[in-house]
Amino acid sequence: MTKKIMILPPKFQTYESEASQFINQLKKQNPKLEESQRAGRALLWDKEPIDLDLKRRADESRVKQQPYVYHSK
C-alpha cells in the first residue's frame, strides 16, 4: 500500500492558525517562556526514582490504624 501525500495549493502552504500566531507572538514577547515551562514541569512532575527497598521497609514499619479512629480503647 502506498501513502498518498496531500499537496496543498500555494495559498494554504503558508497558512498559520490564530492559535499558532498567538503562541509565536507570546514566545517573541517572552523568550524565556519555554525555559520557565520546563522548570515548572521539573518542579512538579520530574521526580527521582523510587528506592523500592526503602519503600518496602517504610510500608512494613507503618503502624496499622484502628478501624474506627475516634474510638479509644
Protein backbone atom coordinates (compact mmCIF):
# COMPACT_ATOMS: atom_id res chain seq x y z
CA MET A 1 0.00 0.00 0.00
CA THR A 2 1.43 3.37 -0.94
CA LYS A 3 1.00 6.52 1.06
CA LYS A 4 -0.71 9.42 -0.59
CA ILE A 5 0.69 12.82 0.24
CA MET A 6 -1.73 15.68 0.08
CA ILE A 7 -0.23 18.68 -1.68
CA LEU A 8 -1.82 21.95 -0.69
CA PRO A 9 -2.30 24.88 -3.04
CA PRO A 10 0.28 27.68 -2.59
CA LYS A 11 -2.12 29.97 -0.70
CA PHE A 12 -2.54 27.32 2.03
CA GLN A 13 1.13 26.34 2.31
CA THR A 14 1.88 29.43 4.40
CA TYR A 15 -1.33 29.28 6.43
CA GLU A 16 -0.90 29.73 10.16
CA SER A 17 -3.83 29.35 12.54
CA GLU A 18 -4.74 32.04 15.04
CA ALA A 19 -3.63 29.78 17.88
CA SER A 20 -0.20 29.29 16.27
CA GLN A 21 0.10 33.03 15.67
CA PHE A 22 -0.77 33.72 19.30
CA ILE A 23 1.78 31.21 20.62
CA ASN A 24 4.52 32.52 18.31
CA GLN A 25 3.76 36.09 19.39
CA LEU A 26 3.84 35.04 23.05
CA LYS A 27 7.24 33.38 22.54
CA LYS A 28 8.59 36.53 20.88
CA GLN A 29 7.38 38.69 23.78
CA ASN A 30 8.78 36.31 26.41
CA PRO A 31 11.84 34.45 25.06
CA LYS A 32 12.31 32.52 28.33
CA LEU A 33 8.76 31.13 28.30
CA GLU A 34 9.71 27.59 27.28
CA GLU A 35 12.57 27.53 29.79
CA SER A 36 10.23 28.52 32.62
CA GLN A 37 7.72 25.88 31.49
CA ARG A 38 10.44 23.22 31.66
CA ALA A 39 11.44 24.42 35.13
CA GLY A 40 7.82 24.19 36.28
CA ARG A 41 7.48 20.71 34.89
CA ALA A 42 10.69 19.62 36.61
CA LEU A 43 9.41 21.05 39.88
CA LEU A 44 6.06 19.27 39.77
CA TRP A 45 6.49 16.13 37.66
CA ASP A 46 10.10 15.06 37.17
CA LYS A 47 10.95 13.09 40.31
CA GLU A 48 13.87 10.97 41.43
CA PRO A 49 13.47 7.20 41.02
CA ILE A 50 11.89 5.41 43.98
CA ASP A 51 14.13 3.17 46.08
CA LEU A 52 11.93 0.07 46.23
CA ASP A 53 13.76 -1.47 49.20
CA LEU A 54 13.38 1.73 51.25
CA LYS A 55 9.68 1.95 50.29
CA ARG A 56 9.09 -1.68 51.28
CA ARG A 57 10.78 -1.12 54.65
CA ALA A 58 8.71 2.00 55.28
CA ASP A 59 5.49 0.17 54.38
CA GLU A 60 6.36 -2.73 56.69
CA SER A 61 7.17 -0.44 59.62
CA ARG A 62 3.95 1.56 59.35
CA VAL A 63 1.68 1.22 62.39
CA LYS A 64 -1.75 -0.03 61.41
CA GLN A 65 -4.60 2.38 62.06
CA GLN A 66 -7.60 1.34 64.10
CA PRO A 67 -10.76 0.64 62.07
CA TYR A 68 -12.58 3.43 63.87
CA VAL A 69 -10.06 6.12 64.74
CA TYR A 70 -12.31 8.17 67.04
CA HIS A 71 -12.92 5.30 69.44
CA SER A 72 -10.26 4.99 72.13
CA LYS A 73 -9.52 1.66 73.73
